[in-house]
C-alpha atoms as a PDB file:
ATOM      1  CA  UNK A   1     -16.685 140.955-145.716  1.00  0.00           C
ATOM      2  CA  UNK A   2     -16.941 138.292-148.387  1.00  0.00           C
ATOM      3  CA  UNK A   3     -20.022 136.063-148.380  1.00  0.00           C
ATOM      4  CA  UNK A   4     -19.399 132.411-147.608  1.00  0.00           C
ATOM      5  CA  UNK A   5     -20.385 130.113-150.466  1.00  0.00           C
ATOM      6  CA  UNK A   6     -22.119 127.156-148.827  1.00  0.00           C
ATOM      7  CA  UNK A   7     -21.496 124.732-151.709  1.00  0.00           C
ATOM      8  CA  UNK A   8     -17.780 125.511-151.967  1.00  0.00           C
ATOM      9  CA  UNK A   9     -17.315 125.378-148.222  1.00  0.00           C
ATOM     10  CA  UNK A  10     -19.015 121.991-147.973  1.00  0.00           C
ATOM     11  CA  UNK A  11     -16.798 120.646-150.763  1.00  0.00           C
ATOM     12  CA  UNK A  12     -13.762 121.850-148.795  1.00  0.00           C
ATOM     13  CA  UNK A  13     -15.028 120.185-145.622  1.00  0.00           C
ATOM     14  CA  UNK A  14     -15.647 116.875-147.416  1.00  0.00           C
ATOM     15  CA  UNK A  15     -12.177 117.002-148.981  1.00  0.00           C
ATOM     16  CA  UNK A  16     -10.735 117.373-145.470  1.00  0.00           C
ATOM     17  CA  UNK A  17     -13.114 114.947-143.689  1.00  0.00           C
ATOM     18  CA  UNK A  18     -14.433 112.235-145.984  1.00  0.00           C
ATOM     19  CA  UNK A  19     -16.448 110.372-143.331  1.00  0.00           C
ATOM     20  CA  UNK A  20     -19.661 111.990-144.572  1.00  0.00           C
ATOM     21  CA  UNK A  21     -21.111 112.545-148.022  1.00  0.00           C
ATOM     22  CA  UNK A  22     -21.839 116.056-149.251  1.00  0.00           C
ATOM     23  CA  UNK A  23     -25.561 115.233-149.003  1.00  0.00           C
ATOM     24  CA  UNK A  24     -25.156 114.738-145.241  1.00  0.00           C
ATOM     25  CA  UNK A  25     -24.325 118.409-144.807  1.00  0.00           C
ATOM     26  CA  UNK A  26     -27.299 119.555-146.849  1.00  0.00           C
ATOM     27  CA  UNK A  27     -29.459 117.181-144.839  1.00  0.00           C
ATOM     28  CA  UNK A  28     -28.273 118.654-141.515  1.00  0.00           C
ATOM     29  CA  UNK A  29     -28.937 122.153-142.782  1.00  0.00           C
ATOM     30  CA  UNK A  30     -32.477 121.153-143.830  1.00  0.00           C
ATOM     31  CA  UNK A  31     -33.036 119.422-140.485  1.00  0.00           C
ATOM     32  CA  UNK A  32     -31.869 122.568-138.704  1.00  0.00           C
ATOM     33  CA  UNK A  33     -34.305 124.708-140.715  1.00  0.00           C
ATOM     34  CA  UNK A  34     -37.111 122.221-140.008  1.00  0.00           C
ATOM     35  CA  UNK A  35     -36.325 122.272-136.280  1.00  0.00           C
ATOM     36  CA  UNK A  36     -36.246 126.073-136.115  1.00  0.00           C
ATOM     37  CA  UNK A  37     -39.589 126.339-137.908  1.00  0.00           C
ATOM     38  CA  UNK A  38     -41.126 123.692-135.678  1.00  0.00           C
ATOM     39  CA  UNK A  39     -39.964 125.445-132.498  1.00  0.00           C
ATOM     40  CA  UNK A  40     -41.358 128.771-133.728  1.00  0.00           C
ATOM     41  CA  UNK A  41     -44.638 127.130-134.799  1.00  0.00           C
ATOM     42  CA  UNK A  42     -44.985 125.443-131.400  1.00  0.00           C
ATOM     43  CA  UNK A  43     -44.223 128.799-129.755  1.00  0.00           C
ATOM     44  CA  UNK A  44     -41.311 127.338-127.816  1.00  0.00           C
ATOM     45  CA  UNK A  45     -39.305 130.158-129.375  1.00  0.00           C
ATOM     46  CA  UNK A  46     -40.766 133.457-130.648  1.00  0.00           C
ATOM     47  CA  UNK A  47     -38.394 133.517-133.632  1.00  0.00           C
ATOM     48  CA  UNK A  48     -35.573 131.366-134.978  1.00  0.00           C
ATOM     49  CA  UNK A  49     -32.616 131.411-132.633  1.00  0.00           C
ATOM     50  CA  UNK A  50     -30.070 129.089-131.079  1.00  0.00           C
ATOM     51  CA  UNK A  51     -31.024 125.419-130.954  1.00  0.00           C
ATOM     52  CA  UNK A  52     -29.446 122.986-128.507  1.00  0.00           C
ATOM     53  CA  UNK A  53     -27.911 119.717-129.636  1.00  0.00           C
ATOM     54  CA  UNK A  54     -30.772 117.729-128.121  1.00  0.00           C
ATOM     55  CA  UNK A  55     -33.391 119.939-129.805  1.00  0.00           C
ATOM     56  CA  UNK A  56     -31.638 119.474-133.121  1.00  0.00           C
ATOM     57  CA  UNK A  57     -31.511 115.710-132.628  1.00  0.00           C
ATOM     58  CA  UNK A  58     -35.248 115.545-131.951  1.00  0.00           C
ATOM     59  CA  UNK A  59     -36.000 117.795-134.906  1.00  0.00           C
ATOM     60  CA  UNK A  60     -33.679 115.706-137.080  1.00  0.00           C
ATOM     61  CA  UNK A  61     -35.438 112.500-136.031  1.00  0.00           C
ATOM     62  CA  UNK A  62     -38.837 113.943-136.895  1.00  0.00           C
ATOM     63  CA  UNK A  63     -37.634 115.487-140.158  1.00  0.00           C
ATOM     64  CA  UNK A  64     -35.934 112.260-141.257  1.00  0.00           C
ATOM     65  CA  UNK A  65     -38.995 110.102-140.676  1.00  0.00           C
ATOM     66  CA  UNK A  66     -41.241 112.661-142.370  1.00  0.00           C
ATOM     67  CA  UNK A  67     -38.942 113.202-145.338  1.00  0.00           C
ATOM     68  CA  UNK A  68     -37.668 109.680-146.027  1.00  0.00           C
ATOM     69  CA  UNK A  69     -40.225 107.395-144.396  1.00  0.00           C
ATOM     70  CA  UNK A  70     -39.262 103.707-144.350  1.00  0.00           C
ATOM     71  CA  UNK A  71     -36.000 104.506-146.158  1.00  0.00           C
ATOM     72  CA  UNK A  72     -34.832 107.001-143.491  1.00  0.00           C
ATOM     73  CA  UNK A  73     -32.298 104.722-141.814  1.00  0.00           C
ATOM     74  CA  UNK A  74     -30.800 103.591-145.106  1.00  0.00           C
ATOM     75  CA  UNK A  75     -30.590 107.075-146.604  1.00  0.00           C
ATOM     76  CA  UNK A  76     -28.702 108.409-143.583  1.00  0.00           C
ATOM     77  CA  UNK A  77     -26.462 105.369-143.503  1.00  0.00           C
ATOM     78  CA  UNK A  78     -25.558 105.874-147.177  1.00  0.00           C
ATOM     79  CA  UNK A  79     -24.327 109.378-146.265  1.00  0.00           C
ATOM     80  CA  UNK A  80     -22.240 108.115-143.326  1.00  0.00           C
ATOM     81  CA  UNK A  81     -24.718 109.108-140.614  1.00  0.00           C
ATOM     82  CA  UNK A  82     -25.126 106.095-138.336  1.00  0.00           C
ATOM     83  CA  UNK A  83     -25.639 107.621-134.879  1.00  0.00           C
ATOM     84  CA  UNK A  84     -26.496 110.904-133.210  1.00  0.00           C
ATOM     85  CA  UNK A  85     -22.836 111.673-132.620  1.00  0.00           C
ATOM     86  CA  UNK A  86     -22.380 111.799-136.412  1.00  0.00           C
ATOM     87  CA  UNK A  87     -24.900 114.640-136.546  1.00  0.00           C
ATOM     88  CA  UNK A  88     -22.796 116.448-133.962  1.00  0.00           C
ATOM     89  CA  UNK A  89     -19.665 115.913-136.051  1.00  0.00           C
ATOM     90  CA  UNK A  90     -21.410 117.343-139.104  1.00  0.00           C
ATOM     91  CA  UNK A  91     -22.640 120.345-137.137  1.00  0.00           C
ATOM     92  CA  UNK A  92     -19.219 121.070-135.672  1.00  0.00           C
ATOM     93  CA  UNK A  93     -17.522 120.661-139.045  1.00  0.00           C
ATOM     94  CA  UNK A  94     -19.882 123.383-140.276  1.00  0.00           C
ATOM     95  CA  UNK A  95     -19.226 125.501-137.171  1.00  0.00           C
ATOM     96  CA  UNK A  96     -15.469 125.270-137.753  1.00  0.00           C
ATOM     97  CA  UNK A  97     -16.034 126.357-141.377  1.00  0.00           C
ATOM     98  CA  UNK A  98     -18.136 129.344-140.182  1.00  0.00           C
ATOM     99  CA  UNK A  99     -21.333 128.011-141.768  1.00  0.00           C
ATOM    100  CA  UNK A 100     -23.040 127.677-138.382  1.00  0.00           C
ATOM    101  CA  UNK A 101     -22.464 129.383-135.071  1.00  0.00           C
ATOM    102  CA  UNK A 102     -22.297 128.023-131.559  1.00  0.00           C
ATOM    103  CA  UNK A 103     -22.342 129.305-128.029  1.00  0.00           C
ATOM    104  CA  UNK A 104     -19.586 128.748-125.475  1.00  0.00           C
ATOM    105  CA  UNK A 105     -21.779 126.087-123.883  1.00  0.00           C
ATOM    106  CA  UNK A 106     -22.156 124.005-127.083  1.00  0.00           C
ATOM    107  CA  UNK A 107     -20.036 120.884-127.484  1.00  0.00           C
ATOM    108  CA  UNK A 108     -19.875 117.785-129.640  1.00  0.00           C
ATOM    109  CA  UNK A 109     -20.840 115.804-126.548  1.00  0.00           C
ATOM    110  CA  UNK A 110     -24.284 117.481-126.659  1.00  0.00           C
ATOM    111  CA  UNK A 111     -25.158 115.048-129.439  1.00  0.00           C
ATOM    112  CA  UNK A 112     -24.507 111.949-127.372  1.00  0.00           C
ATOM    113  CA  UNK A 113     -27.290 110.022-125.730  1.00  0.00           C
ATOM    114  CA  UNK A 114     -29.854 110.883-128.374  1.00  0.00           C
ATOM    115  CA  UNK A 115     -32.079 108.376-130.086  1.00  0.00           C
ATOM    116  CA  UNK A 116     -31.112 104.907-131.286  1.00  0.00           C
ATOM    117  CA  UNK A 117     -31.244 104.928-135.075  1.00  0.00           C
ATOM    118  CA  UNK A 118     -32.826 101.511-135.481  1.00  0.00           C
ATOM    119  CA  UNK A 119     -35.518 102.214-132.891  1.00  0.00           C
ATOM    120  CA  UNK A 120     -36.314 105.693-134.206  1.00  0.00           C
ATOM    121  CA  UNK A 121     -35.984 105.185-137.954  1.00  0.00           C
ATOM    122  CA  UNK A 122     -36.795 101.518-138.612  1.00  0.00           C
ATOM    123  CA  UNK A 123     -39.207 100.325-135.925  1.00  0.00           C
ATOM    124  CA  UNK A 124     -41.990 102.838-136.710  1.00  0.00           C
ATOM    125  CA  UNK A 125     -42.358 101.241-140.140  1.00  0.00           C
ATOM    126  CA  UNK A 126     -42.304  97.586-139.135  1.00  0.00           C
ATOM    127  CA  UNK A 127     -45.512  95.606-138.781  1.00  0.00           C
ATOM    128  CA  UNK A 128     -46.154  94.586-135.168  1.00  0.00           C
ATOM    129  CA  UNK A 129     -45.281  90.967-135.946  1.00  0.00           C
ATOM    130  CA  UNK A 130     -41.762  92.033-137.016  1.00  0.00           C
ATOM    131  CA  UNK A 131     -40.984  94.297-134.069  1.00  0.00           C
ATOM    132  CA  UNK A 132     -38.356  93.096-131.585  1.00  0.00           C
ATOM    133  CA  UNK A 133     -39.671  92.010-128.206  1.00  0.00           C
ATOM    134  CA  UNK A 134     -38.336  95.218-126.601  1.00  0.00           C
ATOM    135  CA  UNK A 135     -40.365  97.382-128.997  1.00  0.00           C
ATOM    136  CA  UNK A 136     -43.527  95.369-128.373  1.00  0.00           C
ATOM    137  CA  UNK A 137     -43.091  95.760-124.612  1.00  0.00           C
ATOM    138  CA  UNK A 138     -42.554  99.528-124.926  1.00  0.00           C
ATOM    139  CA  UNK A 139     -45.531  99.900-127.253  1.00  0.00           C
ATOM    140  CA  UNK A 140     -47.761  98.023-124.825  1.00  0.00           C
ATOM    141  CA  UNK A 141     -46.548 100.243-121.983  1.00  0.00           C
ATOM    142  CA  UNK A 142     -47.325 103.314-124.087  1.00  0.00           C
ATOM    143  CA  UNK A 143     -43.727 104.472-124.184  1.00  0.00           C
ATOM    144  CA  UNK A 144     -43.128 104.456-127.917  1.00  0.00           C
ATOM    145  CA  UNK A 145     -43.620 107.897-129.368  1.00  0.00           C
ATOM    146  CA  UNK A 146     -45.476 108.424-132.623  1.00  0.00           C
ATOM    147  CA  UNK A 147     -44.350 112.035-132.852  1.00  0.00           C
ATOM    148  CA  UNK A 148     -42.827 111.541-136.285  1.00  0.00           C
ATOM    149  CA  UNK A 149     -44.698 114.255-138.196  1.00  0.00           C
END
């Protein structure tokens, strides 16, 4: 069996589906690695194995904030990633190209209903005086998560 060349395969995917920049695919792969390591470290999984769409979204959110800080939202946007469903599209493009695997239960729809990009990637870096009223109310109620690192 011939080894799959990740770089060449990503170039082929981008030529077929130009919605996302090449960097978006590398980003998703790094976010997947980050999520697997985090799950192993937190002993939620004894070793790297299958990750659900929702687990990947949470790991991606944390990785993005940690890696790109206040520029997180804008970096992802520049690559064509504007919502959680885009992460699902990237993942399934890689699944279809045999770069990632999936179970019979996995679907693109698993990436719906994740986090709101503005709330998760912009609000944590705004001074309290610049936060929208909704964010201030959630912060006062203790509902905003500071689980970014």
